[in-house]
Amino acid sequence: MEAVAKLNNVPTSPRKMRMVADMIRGERVNTALNILKFEPKEGAARLQKLLLSAISNWQAKNEDERLEDADLFIKEIRVDAGRMLKRLRPAPQGRAHRIRKRSNHVTIVVDSKNSTEVTAEEVVNNETDN
């Protein structure tokens, strides 16, 4: 069973956050946490905290299962553009340049390898029944 965690209005550009998100996409949770812990980019600390939140959401949904036996991995991670704050910066000769302060929304979906294998078997069984 999968668990979702969302982080909205992160004051970092989506492009910079996607660079960090691409490093952990599809990885196991333990590996992803190690990658994020030692990554110097600004978005890594925020993604690490969000990943820990997704893990605790999974534990809340699956109280009867042990975390060590679940073999959790990052099923999906999305970084979407958030709102953009527009500011003006003075420029030479009375002009102004527009400054766009970007933000993003991050969504992480964590799932266990065991549950995805079961659902694949169920799909095969359903196709043979029809």
Protein backbone atom coordinates (compact mmCIF):
# COMPACT_ATOMS: atom_id res chain seq x y z
CA MET A 1 0.00 0.00 0.00
CA GLU A 2 1.38 3.38 -0.96
CA ALA A 3 1.67 6.54 1.10
CA VAL A 4 1.85 10.14 -0.13
CA ALA A 5 3.56 13.24 1.28
CA LYS A 6 3.33 16.74 -0.20
CA LEU A 7 5.33 19.90 0.29
CA ASN A 8 3.86 23.11 -1.09
CA ASN A 9 5.32 26.54 -1.85
CA VAL A 10 8.98 25.68 -1.39
CA PRO A 11 10.93 28.89 -2.13
CA THR A 12 13.32 27.22 -4.57
CA SER A 13 13.06 27.11 -8.33
CA PRO A 14 11.54 23.87 -9.69
CA ARG A 15 14.58 23.29 -11.89
CA LYS A 16 16.95 23.21 -8.91
CA MET A 17 14.64 20.91 -6.95
CA ARG A 18 14.24 18.51 -9.90
CA MET A 19 18.01 18.03 -10.01
CA VAL A 20 17.88 16.60 -6.48
CA ALA A 21 14.62 14.69 -7.08
CA ASP A 22 16.07 12.92 -10.12
CA MET A 23 18.87 11.47 -7.98
CA ILE A 24 16.46 9.59 -5.70
CA ARG A 25 13.69 8.66 -8.15
CA GLY A 26 13.05 4.89 -8.01
CA GLU A 27 15.59 4.31 -5.23
CA ARG A 28 14.97 2.37 -2.05
CA VAL A 29 14.16 4.53 0.94
CA ASN A 30 17.39 3.80 2.85
CA THR A 31 19.53 4.56 -0.19
CA ALA A 32 17.59 7.75 -0.91
CA LEU A 33 17.99 8.98 2.68
CA ASN A 34 21.76 8.41 2.47
CA ILE A 35 21.97 10.28 -0.83
CA LEU A 36 20.01 13.23 0.54
CA LYS A 37 21.96 13.34 3.79
CA PHE A 38 25.29 13.94 2.03
CA GLU A 39 24.04 16.07 -0.88
CA PRO A 40 25.15 19.72 -0.51
CA LYS A 41 22.30 21.23 -2.56
CA GLU A 42 19.69 23.30 -0.72
CA GLY A 43 16.73 21.17 -1.79
CA ALA A 44 18.22 17.96 -0.38
CA ALA A 45 17.43 18.83 3.25
CA ARG A 46 13.82 19.63 2.41
CA LEU A 47 13.40 16.44 0.37
CA GLN A 48 14.93 14.40 3.21
CA LYS A 49 12.39 15.79 5.65
CA LEU A 50 9.56 15.15 3.16
CA LEU A 51 10.73 11.57 2.61
CA LEU A 52 10.75 10.94 6.35
CA SER A 53 7.18 12.28 6.45
CA ALA A 54 6.15 9.89 3.66
CA ILE A 55 7.69 6.97 5.57
CA SER A 56 5.77 7.88 8.73
CA ASN A 57 2.57 8.20 6.65
CA TRP A 58 3.19 4.68 5.36
CA GLN A 59 3.70 3.42 8.92
CA ALA A 60 0.42 5.03 10.02
CA LYS A 61 -1.44 3.24 7.21
CA ASN A 62 0.25 -0.12 7.79
CA GLU A 63 0.50 -0.50 11.55
CA ASP A 64 0.64 -4.31 11.40
CA GLU A 65 3.69 -4.42 9.06
CA ARG A 66 7.32 -3.84 10.03
CA LEU A 67 9.23 -1.13 8.21
CA GLU A 68 12.31 -3.34 7.79
CA ASP A 69 10.29 -6.11 6.09
CA ALA A 70 8.36 -3.77 3.79
CA ASP A 71 11.26 -2.95 1.43
CA LEU A 72 10.01 0.58 0.72
CA PHE A 73 11.01 2.46 -2.42
CA ILE A 74 10.15 5.80 -4.00
CA LYS A 75 7.42 4.96 -6.47
CA GLU A 76 6.90 8.50 -7.72
CA ILE A 77 8.36 11.93 -7.09
CA ARG A 78 6.99 15.03 -8.80
CA VAL A 79 8.23 18.61 -8.71
CA ASP A 80 5.68 21.06 -10.11
CA ALA A 81 5.93 24.81 -10.47
CA GLY A 82 4.30 26.80 -7.68
CA ARG A 83 3.36 30.44 -7.53
CA MET A 84 5.78 33.05 -8.79
CA LEU A 85 6.46 36.30 -6.94
CA LYS A 86 7.19 39.12 -9.38
CA ARG A 87 9.45 41.94 -8.30
CA LEU A 88 11.06 44.90 -10.08
CA ARG A 89 14.74 45.75 -9.90
CA PRO A 90 15.96 49.19 -10.97
CA ALA A 91 18.00 49.21 -14.17
CA PRO A 92 20.05 51.92 -15.91
CA GLN A 93 18.40 54.92 -17.62
CA GLY A 94 15.15 54.76 -15.66
CA ARG A 95 14.17 51.28 -16.73
CA ALA A 96 13.28 48.26 -14.59
CA HIS A 97 14.01 44.55 -14.90
CA ARG A 98 11.54 41.95 -13.70
CA ILE A 99 12.75 39.49 -11.07
CA ARG A 100 10.78 36.25 -10.89
CA LYS A 101 11.07 34.48 -7.54
CA ARG A 102 9.94 30.95 -8.29
CA SER A 103 8.56 28.32 -5.93
CA ASN A 104 7.58 24.68 -6.33
CA HIS A 105 5.36 21.88 -5.05
CA VAL A 106 6.87 18.45 -4.36
CA THR A 107 4.92 15.17 -4.11
CA ILE A 108 6.49 11.88 -3.02
CA VAL A 109 4.74 8.51 -3.26
CA VAL A 110 6.33 5.67 -1.27
CA ASP A 111 5.33 2.04 -1.79
CA SER A 112 6.55 -1.37 -0.68
CA LYS A 113 7.99 -3.81 -3.20
CA ASN A 114 5.89 -6.62 -1.71
CA SER A 115 2.56 -4.93 -2.44
CA THR A 116 3.45 -4.10 -6.07
CA GLU A 117 4.29 -7.75 -6.75
CA VAL A 118 0.95 -8.86 -5.32
CA THR A 119 -0.98 -6.39 -7.44
CA ALA A 120 0.85 -7.56 -10.58
CA GLU A 121 -0.15 -11.15 -9.79
CA GLU A 122 -3.73 -10.07 -9.26
CA VAL A 123 -3.79 -8.38 -12.65
CA VAL A 124 -2.53 -11.55 -14.33
CA ASN A 125 -5.14 -13.64 -12.48
CA ASN A 126 -7.93 -11.24 -13.46
CA GLU A 127 -6.90 -11.40 -17.12
CA THR A 128 -6.92 -15.20 -17.14
CA ASP A 129 -10.36 -15.29 -15.48
CA ASN A 130 -11.91 -13.18 -18.27
